Amino acid sequence: MKLPRTAADQWRTLQAVVELGGFAQAAQALNRSQSAVSYAVSKLQEQLGVALLEPQGRRMVLTGAGAALLRDAIPLVDSLTRLEERAHALNLGWEAEVRLAVDSLFPTEPLLCALSAFAGHCENTRLQLIEVVMSGADDALYSGQAELAVGNRVPAGFLGDWLLDAEFVAVAAPNHPLFALNRTIAQDDLAAHTQVVLRDSGTREPRNEGWLGARQRWTVGNTETSIATVEAGLAFAWLPRHRIGAQLAEGRLVPLPLSSGRTRHSALYLIYADPDAAGPATRELGSQLTAAAARWRDTQESSANV
């Protein structure tokens, strides 16, 4: 195993000299004496056996070799700096990683807003996002795969806080045979046509949700596939309104005139695997998810009132 002859501190000093234009400016920025800065760069050149700097007027500029070497060194030094910052954060009690299980029903907009805010506060904590459907959130909590979950129910033995309600709308493509009936659609009418449903990603107690009386059922793995299947005229489904706003507005999907059950609602909850043991990064992520969900609810209410 070969140890490097140069140190990260030397490369950072060289970077400061180049970017600030001289030894005096670098010394001031680094809070060191000018002689210390000059010695660090001189020692670096000696260890490498390569001239890194040359004078150009009153400024010190990189030689060709110096430019190439510094370009390779900066990412390595940045990585070491991040490693030290992460070690400091861990020493203060911040988790190295937070695992979040999120039901696919949770809207993308508030999720990304929460993750963006989390990144700004917990830049030294890795995030593992586990995408689940229905009881998949339960499984992640029971198995210890996640410190935090957003699920559509609170499993036994856990406590959860309500985030938002998602509305499902019974829809089909405008050319679907159900619309050819030209009347209110009854349950028996639906039974004669294909329904597309989402597959539960959980394995402990998988469940089916929504009306499942159709004689022909297609089961798919994600919401995007179910939307595409319905839009292609291959099936009908209850789909989350917040995911099909554009299709509804453009007439690519049309609400079914059902005699009952045209819409249904599903709540989403924020659930900690162990609230007492949750670290500061886990709690920060939970707070950001709660705040983002509240803003999203306000936006949806405002849009509905326009």
C-alpha atoms as a PDB file:
ATOM      1  CA  MET A   1       0.000   0.000   0.000  1.00  0.00           C
ATOM      2  CA  LYS A   2       1.547   3.275  -1.156  1.00  0.00           C
ATOM      3  CA  LEU A   3       0.902   6.436   0.864  1.00  0.00           C
ATOM      4  CA  PRO A   4       0.564   9.784  -0.972  1.00  0.00           C
ATOM      5  CA  ARG A   5       3.492  12.146  -0.626  1.00  0.00           C
ATOM      6  CA  THR A   6       1.332  15.261  -0.916  1.00  0.00           C
ATOM      7  CA  ALA A   7      -1.374  16.550   1.430  1.00  0.00           C
ATOM      8  CA  ALA A   8      -4.824  17.967   0.788  1.00  0.00           C
ATOM      9  CA  ASP A   9      -3.788  21.131   2.624  1.00  0.00           C
ATOM     10  CA  GLN A  10      -1.060  21.782   0.052  1.00  0.00           C
ATOM     11  CA  TRP A  11      -3.423  21.461  -2.883  1.00  0.00           C
ATOM     12  CA  ARG A  12      -5.983  23.740  -1.238  1.00  0.00           C
ATOM     13  CA  THR A  13      -3.226  26.315  -0.665  1.00  0.00           C
ATOM     14  CA  LEU A  14      -2.205  26.107  -4.321  1.00  0.00           C
ATOM     15  CA  GLN A  15      -5.832  26.554  -5.353  1.00  0.00           C
ATOM     16  CA  ALA A  16      -6.094  29.696  -3.215  1.00  0.00           C
ATOM     17  CA  VAL A  17      -2.916  31.185  -4.688  1.00  0.00           C
ATOM     18  CA  VAL A  18      -4.197  30.645  -8.232  1.00  0.00           C
ATOM     19  CA  GLU A  19      -7.772  31.790  -7.682  1.00  0.00           C
ATOM     20  CA  LEU A  20      -6.824  34.850  -5.601  1.00  0.00           C
ATOM     21  CA  GLY A  21      -3.845  35.857  -7.723  1.00  0.00           C
ATOM     22  CA  GLY A  22      -0.886  35.615  -5.373  1.00  0.00           C
ATOM     23  CA  PHE A  23       0.701  34.456  -2.138  1.00  0.00           C
ATOM     24  CA  ALA A  24      -0.282  37.524  -0.133  1.00  0.00           C
ATOM     25  CA  GLN A  25      -3.965  37.271  -1.093  1.00  0.00           C
ATOM     26  CA  ALA A  26      -4.014  33.542  -0.378  1.00  0.00           C
ATOM     27  CA  ALA A  27      -2.325  34.091   3.001  1.00  0.00           C
ATOM     28  CA  GLN A  28      -4.994  36.590   3.993  1.00  0.00           C
ATOM     29  CA  ALA A  29      -7.854  34.321   2.899  1.00  0.00           C
ATOM     30  CA  LEU A  30      -6.380  31.278   4.640  1.00  0.00           C
ATOM     31  CA  ASN A  31      -5.416  33.256   7.756  1.00  0.00           C
ATOM     32  CA  ARG A  32      -1.779  32.206   7.440  1.00  0.00           C
ATOM     33  CA  SER A  33       1.505  33.995   7.027  1.00  0.00           C
ATOM     34  CA  GLN A  34       2.715  34.610   3.489  1.00  0.00           C
ATOM     35  CA  SER A  35       5.864  32.606   4.191  1.00  0.00           C
ATOM     36  CA  ALA A  36       3.762  29.606   5.268  1.00  0.00           C
ATOM     37  CA  VAL A  37       1.750  29.753   2.046  1.00  0.00           C
ATOM     38  CA  SER A  38       4.906  30.095  -0.053  1.00  0.00           C
ATOM     39  CA  TYR A  39       6.521  27.162   1.745  1.00  0.00           C
ATOM     40  CA  ALA A  40       3.472  24.912   1.268  1.00  0.00           C
ATOM     41  CA  VAL A  41       3.464  25.490  -2.500  1.00  0.00           C
ATOM     42  CA  SER A  42       7.244  25.173  -2.765  1.00  0.00           C
ATOM     43  CA  LYS A  43       7.162  21.898  -0.829  1.00  0.00           C
ATOM     44  CA  LEU A  44       4.372  20.589  -3.071  1.00  0.00           C
ATOM     45  CA  GLN A  45       6.395  21.321  -6.187  1.00  0.00           C
ATOM     46  CA  GLU A  46       9.437  19.656  -4.633  1.00  0.00           C
ATOM     47  CA  GLN A  47       7.501  16.510  -3.742  1.00  0.00           C
ATOM     48  CA  LEU A  48       6.027  16.255  -7.224  1.00  0.00           C
ATOM     49  CA  GLY A  49       9.162  17.254  -9.098  1.00  0.00           C
ATOM     50  CA  VAL A  50       7.017  19.461 -11.336  1.00  0.00           C
ATOM     51  CA  ALA A  51       6.797  23.240 -11.654  1.00  0.00           C
ATOM     52  CA  LEU A  52       3.212  24.197 -10.821  1.00  0.00           C
ATOM     53  CA  LEU A  53       3.322  28.002 -10.895  1.00  0.00           C
ATOM     54  CA  GLU A  54       4.975  30.681 -12.961  1.00  0.00           C
ATOM     55  CA  PRO A  55       4.823  34.496 -12.712  1.00  0.00           C
ATOM     56  CA  GLN A  56       2.704  36.402 -15.217  1.00  0.00           C
ATOM     57  CA  GLY A  57       3.026  40.074 -14.471  1.00  0.00           C
ATOM     58  CA  ARG A  58       2.085  40.534 -10.839  1.00  0.00           C
ATOM     59  CA  ARG A  59       0.052  37.326 -10.708  1.00  0.00           C
ATOM     60  CA  MET A  60       1.064  33.730 -10.219  1.00  0.00           C
ATOM     61  CA  VAL A  61      -0.512  31.457 -12.799  1.00  0.00           C
ATOM     62  CA  LEU A  62      -0.483  27.720 -13.304  1.00  0.00           C
ATOM     63  CA  THR A  63       1.881  26.027 -15.686  1.00  0.00           C
ATOM     64  CA  GLY A  64       0.363  23.529 -18.107  1.00  0.00           C
ATOM     65  CA  ALA A  65       1.278  20.669 -15.800  1.00  0.00           C
ATOM     66  CA  GLY A  66       0.056  22.602 -12.773  1.00  0.00           C
ATOM     67  CA  ALA A  67      -3.343  23.222 -14.372  1.00  0.00           C
ATOM     68  CA  ALA A  68      -3.758  19.537 -15.221  1.00  0.00           C
ATOM     69  CA  LEU A  69      -2.733  18.337 -11.763  1.00  0.00           C
ATOM     70  CA  LEU A  70      -4.804  20.879  -9.849  1.00  0.00           C
ATOM     71  CA  ARG A  71      -7.857  20.050 -11.960  1.00  0.00           C
ATOM     72  CA  ASP A  72      -7.553  16.412 -10.847  1.00  0.00           C
ATOM     73  CA  ALA A  73      -6.725  17.312  -7.241  1.00  0.00           C
ATOM     74  CA  ILE A  74      -9.638  19.650  -6.495  1.00  0.00           C
ATOM     75  CA  PRO A  75     -12.386  16.940  -6.583  1.00  0.00           C
ATOM     76  CA  LEU A  76     -10.259  14.763  -4.278  1.00  0.00           C
ATOM     77  CA  VAL A  77      -9.733  17.598  -1.808  1.00  0.00           C
ATOM     78  CA  ASP A  78     -13.441  18.470  -1.949  1.00  0.00           C
ATOM     79  CA  SER A  79     -14.271  14.841  -1.160  1.00  0.00           C
ATOM     80  CA  LEU A  80     -11.965  14.873   1.863  1.00  0.00           C
ATOM     81  CA  THR A  81     -13.552  18.112   3.056  1.00  0.00           C
ATOM     82  CA  ARG A  82     -17.028  16.590   2.781  1.00  0.00           C
ATOM     83  CA  LEU A  83     -15.791  13.508   4.638  1.00  0.00           C
ATOM     84  CA  GLU A  84     -14.533  15.663   7.512  1.00  0.00           C
ATOM     85  CA  GLU A  85     -17.799  17.620   7.590  1.00  0.00           C
ATOM     86  CA  ARG A  86     -19.758  14.377   7.668  1.00  0.00           C
ATOM     87  CA  ALA A  87     -17.629  13.065  10.520  1.00  0.00           C
ATOM     88  CA  HIS A  88     -18.308  16.278  12.431  1.00  0.00           C
ATOM     89  CA  ALA A  89     -22.061  15.933  11.809  1.00  0.00           C
ATOM     90  CA  LEU A  90     -22.012  12.320  13.006  1.00  0.00           C
ATOM     91  CA  ASN A  91     -20.140  13.383  16.116  1.00  0.00           C
ATOM     92  CA  LEU A  92     -22.957  15.833  16.836  1.00  0.00           C
ATOM     93  CA  GLY A  93     -25.519  13.026  16.577  1.00  0.00           C
ATOM     94  CA  TRP A  94     -26.786  13.455  12.993  1.00  0.00           C
ATOM     95  CA  GLU A  95     -27.531  10.163  11.268  1.00  0.00           C
ATOM     96  CA  ALA A  96     -25.309   8.903   8.463  1.00  0.00           C
ATOM     97  CA  GLU A  97     -28.411   7.814   6.522  1.00  0.00           C
ATOM     98  CA  VAL A  98     -32.178   8.177   6.694  1.00  0.00           C
ATOM     99  CA  ARG A  99     -34.449   5.655   4.978  1.00  0.00           C
ATOM    100  CA  LEU A 100     -37.863   6.916   3.852  1.00  0.00           C
ATOM    101  CA  ALA A 101     -40.617   4.677   2.491  1.00  0.00           C
ATOM    102  CA  VAL A 102     -43.147   6.650   0.409  1.00  0.00           C
ATOM    103  CA  ASP A 103     -46.436   5.404  -0.982  1.00  0.00           C
ATOM    104  CA  SER A 104     -46.701   6.068  -4.727  1.00  0.00           C
ATOM    105  CA  LEU A 105     -49.931   7.940  -4.010  1.00  0.00           C
ATOM    106  CA  PHE A 106     -48.053  10.803  -2.326  1.00  0.00           C
ATOM    107  CA  PRO A 107     -47.885  13.721  -4.790  1.00  0.00           C
ATOM    108  CA  THR A 108     -44.504  14.299  -6.405  1.00  0.00           C
ATOM    109  CA  GLU A 109     -44.500  18.075  -5.904  1.00  0.00           C
ATOM    110  CA  PRO A 110     -44.547  18.142  -2.080  1.00  0.00           C
ATOM    111  CA  LEU A 111     -42.173  15.170  -1.961  1.00  0.00           C
ATOM    112  CA  LEU A 112     -39.541  16.980  -4.024  1.00  0.00           C
ATOM    113  CA  CYS A 113     -40.042  20.197  -2.044  1.00  0.00           C
ATOM    114  CA  ALA A 114     -39.481  18.301   1.204  1.00  0.00           C
ATOM    115  CA  LEU A 115     -36.407  16.520  -0.129  1.00  0.00           C
ATOM    116  CA  SER A 116     -34.932  19.779  -1.392  1.00  0.00           C
ATOM    117  CA  ALA A 117     -35.368  21.438   1.993  1.00  0.00           C
ATOM    118  CA  PHE A 118     -33.974  18.355   3.737  1.00  0.00           C
ATOM    119  CA  ALA A 119     -30.869  18.446   1.536  1.00  0.00           C
ATOM    120  CA  GLY A 120     -30.287  22.056   2.534  1.00  0.00           C
ATOM    121  CA  HIS A 121     -30.383  21.224   6.248  1.00  0.00           C
ATOM    122  CA  CYS A 122     -28.814  17.756   6.250  1.00  0.00           C
ATOM    123  CA  GLU A 123     -26.221  17.807   3.496  1.00  0.00           C
ATOM    124  CA  ASN A 124     -24.069  15.222   5.296  1.00  0.00           C
ATOM    125  CA  THR A 125     -26.862  12.670   5.694  1.00  0.00           C
ATOM    126  CA  ARG A 126     -27.524  10.196   2.902  1.00  0.00           C
ATOM    127  CA  LEU A 127     -31.145   9.553   1.930  1.00  0.00           C
ATOM    128  CA  GLN A 128     -32.526   6.219   0.813  1.00  0.00           C
ATOM    129  CA  LEU A 129     -35.973   6.579  -0.787  1.00  0.00           C
ATOM    130  CA  ILE A 130     -38.062   3.414  -0.906  1.00  0.00           C
ATOM    131  CA  GLU A 131     -41.081   3.658  -3.219  1.00  0.00           C
ATOM    132  CA  VAL A 132     -43.963   1.454  -2.105  1.00  0.00           C
ATOM    133  CA  VAL A 133     -47.605   0.743  -2.891  1.00  0.00           C
ATOM    134  CA  MET A 134     -50.310   0.238  -0.259  1.00  0.00           C
ATOM    135  CA  SER A 135     -49.081  -2.181   2.432  1.00  0.00           C
ATOM    136  CA  GLY A 136     -45.485  -1.784   1.257  1.00  0.00           C
ATOM    137  CA  ALA A 137     -45.127   1.051   3.788  1.00  0.00           C
ATOM    138  CA  ASP A 138     -46.298  -1.324   6.537  1.00  0.00           C
ATOM    139  CA  ASP A 139     -43.669  -3.871   5.515  1.00  0.00           C
ATOM    140  CA  ALA A 140     -40.893  -1.263   5.532  1.00  0.00           C
ATOM    141  CA  LEU A 141     -41.816  -0.249   9.090  1.00  0.00           C
ATOM    142  CA  TYR A 142     -42.306  -3.756  10.463  1.00  0.00           C
ATOM    143  CA  SER A 143     -39.043  -5.041   8.961  1.00  0.00           C
ATOM    144  CA  GLY A 144     -36.976  -2.061  10.093  1.00  0.00           C
ATOM    145  CA  GLN A 145     -36.159  -1.042   6.513  1.00  0.00           C
ATOM    146  CA  ALA A 146     -37.240   2.567   7.090  1.00  0.00           C
ATOM    147  CA  GLU A 147     -37.003   5.101   9.881  1.00  0.00           C
ATOM    148  CA  LEU A 148     -39.876   7.087   8.382  1.00  0.00           C
ATOM    149  CA  ALA A 149     -42.803   6.261   6.126  1.00  0.00           C
ATOM    150  CA  VAL A 150     -45.613   7.946   4.239  1.00  0.00           C
ATOM    151  CA  GLY A 151     -48.397   5.401   3.996  1.00  0.00           C
ATOM    152  CA  ASN A 152     -52.123   5.251   3.318  1.00  0.00           C
ATOM    153  CA  ARG A 153     -52.854   3.742   6.729  1.00  0.00           C
ATOM    154  CA  VAL A 154     -51.208   3.583  10.129  1.00  0.00           C
ATOM    155  CA  PRO A 155     -50.266  -0.060  10.816  1.00  0.00           C
ATOM    156  CA  ALA A 156     -50.960  -1.651  14.173  1.00  0.00           C
ATOM    157  CA  GLY A 157     -48.375  -0.752  16.785  1.00  0.00           C
ATOM    158  CA  PHE A 158     -47.459   2.602  15.233  1.00  0.00           C
ATOM    159  CA  LEU A 159     -48.663   6.187  15.506  1.00  0.00           C
ATOM    160  CA  GLY A 160     -49.121   8.455  12.509  1.00  0.00           C
ATOM    161  CA  ASP A 161     -49.977  12.055  11.667  1.00  0.00           C
ATOM    162  CA  TRP A 162     -52.328  12.896   8.813  1.00  0.00           C
ATOM    163  CA  LEU A 163     -50.660  14.635   5.869  1.00  0.00           C
ATOM    164  CA  LEU A 164     -53.319  14.933   3.162  1.00  0.00           C
ATOM    165  CA  ASP A 165     -56.243  13.261   1.452  1.00  0.00           C
ATOM    166  CA  ALA A 166     -55.961  12.049  -2.138  1.00  0.00           C
ATOM    167  CA  GLU A 167     -59.077  11.883  -4.307  1.00  0.00           C
ATOM    168  CA  PHE A 168     -59.579   9.012  -6.742  1.00  0.00           C
ATOM    169  CA  VAL A 169     -61.802   9.533  -9.784  1.00  0.00           C
ATOM    170  CA  ALA A 170     -63.412   6.785 -11.871  1.00  0.00           C
ATOM    171  CA  VAL A 171     -62.258   7.506 -15.426  1.00  0.00           C
ATOM    172  CA  ALA A 172     -61.896   6.010 -18.874  1.00  0.00           C
ATOM    173  CA  ALA A 173     -60.755   7.170 -22.292  1.00  0.00           C
ATOM    174  CA  PRO A 174     -63.443   9.110 -24.217  1.00  0.00           C
ATOM    175  CA  ASN A 175     -63.751   6.290 -26.795  1.00  0.00           C
ATOM    176  CA  HIS A 176     -64.297   3.615 -24.144  1.00  0.00           C
ATOM    177  CA  PRO A 177     -67.433   1.451 -24.761  1.00  0.00           C
ATOM    178  CA  LEU A 178     -68.898   2.488 -21.404  1.00  0.00           C
ATOM    179  CA  PHE A 179     -69.597   5.977 -22.759  1.00  0.00           C
ATOM    180  CA  ALA A 180     -71.514   4.482 -25.682  1.00  0.00           C
ATOM    181  CA  LEU A 181     -74.248   3.521 -23.200  1.00  0.00           C
ATOM    182  CA  ASN A 182     -75.246   7.193 -23.045  1.00  0.00           C
ATOM    183  CA  ARG A 183     -76.672   6.844 -19.572  1.00  0.00           C
ATOM    184  CA  THR A 184     -75.747   6.554 -15.940  1.00  0.00           C
ATOM    185  CA  ILE A 185     -73.428   3.599 -15.481  1.00  0.00           C
ATOM    186  CA  ALA A 186     -74.329   0.907 -12.958  1.00  0.00           C
ATOM    187  CA  GLN A 187     -72.168  -1.681 -11.233  1.00  0.00           C
ATOM    188  CA  ASP A 188     -73.318  -4.397 -13.633  1.00  0.00           C
ATOM    189  CA  ASP A 189     -72.123  -2.269 -16.553  1.00  0.00           C
ATOM    190  CA  LEU A 190     -68.646  -1.985 -15.030  1.00  0.00           C
ATOM    191  CA  ALA A 191     -68.467  -5.733 -14.412  1.00  0.00           C
ATOM    192  CA  ALA A 192     -68.463  -6.401 -18.148  1.00  0.00           C
ATOM    193  CA  HIS A 193     -65.292  -4.334 -18.767  1.00  0.00           C
ATOM    194  CA  THR A 194     -61.645  -4.531 -17.768  1.00  0.00           C
ATOM    195  CA  GLN A 195     -60.474  -2.672 -14.679  1.00  0.00           C
ATOM    196  CA  VAL A 196     -56.805  -1.826 -14.132  1.00  0.00           C
ATOM    197  CA  VAL A 197     -55.513  -1.842 -10.538  1.00  0.00           C
ATOM    198  CA  LEU A 198     -52.196  -1.290  -8.781  1.00  0.00           C
ATOM    199  CA  ARG A 199     -50.265  -4.215  -7.381  1.00  0.00           C
ATOM    200  CA  ASP A 200     -49.606  -3.999  -3.641  1.00  0.00           C
ATOM    201  CA  SER A 201     -45.838  -3.998  -3.105  1.00  0.00           C
ATOM    202  CA  GLY A 202     -46.230  -5.434   0.406  1.00  0.00           C
ATOM    203  CA  THR A 203     -45.919  -9.156   1.095  1.00  0.00           C
ATOM    204  CA  ARG A 204     -47.010  -9.540   4.737  1.00  0.00           C
ATOM    205  CA  GLU A 205     -50.676  -8.661   4.224  1.00  0.00           C
ATOM    206  CA  PRO A 206     -51.160  -7.530   0.605  1.00  0.00           C
ATOM    207  CA  ARG A 207     -54.492  -5.919  -0.052  1.00  0.00           C
ATOM    208  CA  ASN A 208     -56.722  -4.765  -2.885  1.00  0.00           C
ATOM    209  CA  GLU A 209     -58.379  -1.358  -2.792  1.00  0.00           C
ATOM    210  CA  GLY A 210     -61.107   0.161  -4.925  1.00  0.00           C
ATOM    211  CA  TRP A 211     -64.016  -1.589  -6.624  1.00  0.00           C
ATOM    212  CA  LEU A 212     -62.858  -4.983  -7.923  1.00  0.00           C
ATOM    213  CA  GLY A 213     -66.076  -6.413  -9.313  1.00  0.00           C
ATOM    214  CA  ALA A 214     -64.890  -6.508 -12.936  1.00  0.00           C
ATOM    215  CA  ARG A 215     -64.662  -9.998 -14.372  1.00  0.00           C
ATOM    216  CA  GLN A 216     -61.427  -9.034 -16.126  1.00  0.00           C
ATOM    217  CA  ARG A 217     -58.740  -7.320 -14.077  1.00  0.00           C
ATOM    218  CA  TRP A 218     -55.316  -6.096 -15.147  1.00  0.00           C
ATOM    219  CA  THR A 219     -52.801  -5.570 -12.341  1.00  0.00           C
ATOM    220  CA  VAL A 220     -49.827  -3.235 -12.934  1.00  0.00           C
ATOM    221  CA  GLY A 221     -46.888  -2.127 -10.827  1.00  0.00           C
ATOM    222  CA  ASN A 222     -47.065   1.667 -10.894  1.00  0.00           C
ATOM    223  CA  THR A 223     -49.484   4.552 -11.306  1.00  0.00           C
ATOM    224  CA  GLU A 224     -47.958   5.750 -14.581  1.00  0.00           C
ATOM    225  CA  THR A 225     -48.677   2.397 -16.226  1.00  0.00           C
ATOM    226  CA  SER A 226     -52.267   2.373 -14.978  1.00  0.00           C
ATOM    227  CA  ILE A 227     -52.823   5.902 -16.340  1.00  0.00           C
ATOM    228  CA  ALA A 228     -51.346   4.941 -19.713  1.00  0.00           C
ATOM    229  CA  THR A 229     -53.479   1.791 -19.850  1.00  0.00           C
ATOM    230  CA  VAL A 230     -56.678   3.726 -19.218  1.00  0.00           C
ATOM    231  CA  GLU A 231     -55.702   6.512 -21.617  1.00  0.00           C
ATOM    232  CA  ALA A 232     -55.123   3.890 -24.333  1.00  0.00           C
ATOM    233  CA  GLY A 233     -58.745   2.763 -23.941  1.00  0.00           C
ATOM    234  CA  LEU A 234     -57.808  -0.693 -22.633  1.00  0.00           C
ATOM    235  CA  ALA A 235     -59.473  -0.395 -19.233  1.00  0.00           C
ATOM    236  CA  PHE A 236     -61.180   1.895 -16.734  1.00  0.00           C
ATOM    237  CA  ALA A 237     -59.862   2.734 -13.274  1.00  0.00           C
ATOM    238  CA  TRP A 238     -60.085   4.937 -10.222  1.00  0.00           C
ATOM    239  CA  LEU A 239     -57.036   7.176 -10.590  1.00  0.00           C
ATOM    240  CA  PRO A 240     -55.655   9.892  -8.270  1.00  0.00           C
ATOM    241  CA  ARG A 241     -56.926  13.266  -9.455  1.00  0.00           C
ATOM    242  CA  HIS A 242     -53.612  15.003  -8.764  1.00  0.00           C
ATOM    243  CA  ARG A 243     -51.885  12.642 -11.214  1.00  0.00           C
ATOM    244  CA  ILE A 244     -54.349  13.063 -14.091  1.00  0.00           C
ATOM    245  CA  GLY A 245     -55.088  16.787 -14.027  1.00  0.00           C
ATOM    246  CA  ALA A 246     -53.669  17.377 -17.517  1.00  0.00           C
ATOM    247  CA  GLN A 247     -55.484  14.367 -19.011  1.00  0.00           C
ATOM    248  CA  LEU A 248     -58.793  15.520 -17.539  1.00  0.00           C
ATOM    249  CA  ALA A 249     -58.312  19.103 -18.710  1.00  0.00           C
ATOM    250  CA  GLU A 250     -57.434  17.982 -22.242  1.00  0.00           C
ATOM    251  CA  GLY A 251     -60.233  15.394 -22.451  1.00  0.00           C
ATOM    252  CA  ARG A 252     -57.882  12.445 -22.798  1.00  0.00           C
ATOM    253  CA  LEU A 253     -59.528  10.957 -19.710  1.00  0.00           C
ATOM    254  CA  VAL A 254     -63.199  11.497 -18.818  1.00  0.00           C
ATOM    255  CA  PRO A 255     -64.969  10.843 -15.493  1.00  0.00           C
ATOM    256  CA  LEU A 256     -67.412   7.957 -15.701  1.00  0.00           C
ATOM    257  CA  PRO A 257     -71.044   8.892 -14.953  1.00  0.00           C
ATOM    258  CA  LEU A 258     -71.483   6.250 -12.268  1.00  0.00           C
ATOM    259  CA  SER A 259     -74.722   5.949 -10.349  1.00  0.00           C
ATOM    260  CA  SER A 260     -72.613   5.893  -7.169  1.00  0.00           C
ATOM    261  CA  GLY A 261     -68.959   5.765  -6.184  1.00  0.00           C
ATOM    262  CA  ARG A 262     -67.664   8.228  -8.790  1.00  0.00           C
ATOM    263  CA  THR A 263     -64.942   9.317  -6.381  1.00  0.00           C
ATOM    264  CA  ARG A 264     -63.288   7.975  -3.277  1.00  0.00           C
ATOM    265  CA  HIS A 265     -60.666   9.331  -0.905  1.00  0.00           C
ATOM    266  CA  SER A 266     -57.562   7.891   0.698  1.00  0.00           C
ATOM    267  CA  ALA A 267     -55.638   9.531   3.516  1.00  0.00           C
ATOM    268  CA  LEU A 268     -51.858   9.596   3.721  1.00  0.00           C
ATOM    269  CA  TYR A 269     -50.022   9.603   7.049  1.00  0.00           C
ATOM    270  CA  LEU A 270     -46.506  10.335   8.267  1.00  0.00           C
ATOM    271  CA  ILE A 271     -45.304   7.467  10.451  1.00  0.00           C
ATOM    272  CA  TYR A 272     -42.098   7.174  12.475  1.00  0.00           C
ATOM    273  CA  ALA A 273     -40.727   3.679  13.002  1.00  0.00           C
ATOM    274  CA  ASP A 274     -39.674   4.702  16.518  1.00  0.00           C
ATOM    275  CA  PRO A 275     -40.457   8.316  17.478  1.00  0.00           C
ATOM    276  CA  ASP A 276     -38.351   8.156  20.644  1.00  0.00           C
ATOM    277  CA  ALA A 277     -35.276   6.890  18.807  1.00  0.00           C
ATOM    278  CA  ALA A 278     -35.617   9.177  15.765  1.00  0.00           C
ATOM    279  CA  GLY A 279     -32.472  11.224  15.220  1.00  0.00           C
ATOM    280  CA  PRO A 280     -32.313  14.901  14.224  1.00  0.00           C
ATOM    281  CA  ALA A 281     -32.051  14.176  10.487  1.00  0.00           C
ATOM    282  CA  THR A 282     -35.068  11.851  10.579  1.00  0.00           C
ATOM    283  CA  ARG A 283     -37.076  14.473  12.460  1.00  0.00           C
ATOM    284  CA  GLU A 284     -35.953  17.180  10.034  1.00  0.00           C
ATOM    285  CA  LEU A 285     -37.185  15.110   7.105  1.00  0.00           C
ATOM    286  CA  GLY A 286     -40.489  14.463   8.873  1.00  0.00           C
ATOM    287  CA  SER A 287     -40.938  18.178   9.539  1.00  0.00           C
ATOM    288  CA  GLN A 288     -40.218  19.035   5.910  1.00  0.00           C
ATOM    289  CA  LEU A 289     -42.715  16.443   4.661  1.00  0.00           C
ATOM    290  CA  THR A 290     -45.386  17.817   6.999  1.00  0.00           C
ATOM    291  CA  ALA A 291     -44.750  21.407   5.896  1.00  0.00           C
ATOM    292  CA  ALA A 292     -44.670  20.515   2.193  1.00  0.00           C
ATOM    293  CA  ALA A 293     -47.934  18.553   2.469  1.00  0.00           C
ATOM    294  CA  ALA A 294     -49.609  21.536   4.195  1.00  0.00           C
ATOM    295  CA  ARG A 295     -48.499  23.899   1.425  1.00  0.00           C
ATOM    296  CA  TRP A 296     -49.732  21.463  -1.213  1.00  0.00           C
ATOM    297  CA  ARG A 297     -53.131  21.212   0.485  1.00  0.00           C
ATOM    298  CA  ASP A 298     -53.420  25.008   0.539  1.00  0.00           C
ATOM    299  CA  THR A 299     -52.558  25.175  -3.161  1.00  0.00           C
ATOM    300  CA  GLN A 300     -55.168  22.538  -4.016  1.00  0.00           C
ATOM    301  CA  GLU A 301     -57.834  24.338  -2.002  1.00  0.00           C
ATOM    302  CA  SER A 302     -57.014  27.652  -3.658  1.00  0.00           C
ATOM    303  CA  SER A 303     -57.237  26.083  -7.113  1.00  0.00           C
ATOM    304  CA  ALA A 304     -60.581  24.485  -6.279  1.00  0.00           C
ATOM    305  CA  ASN A 305     -61.997  27.855  -5.203  1.00  0.00           C
ATOM    306  CA  VAL A 306     -60.981  29.669  -8.400  1.00  0.00           C
END
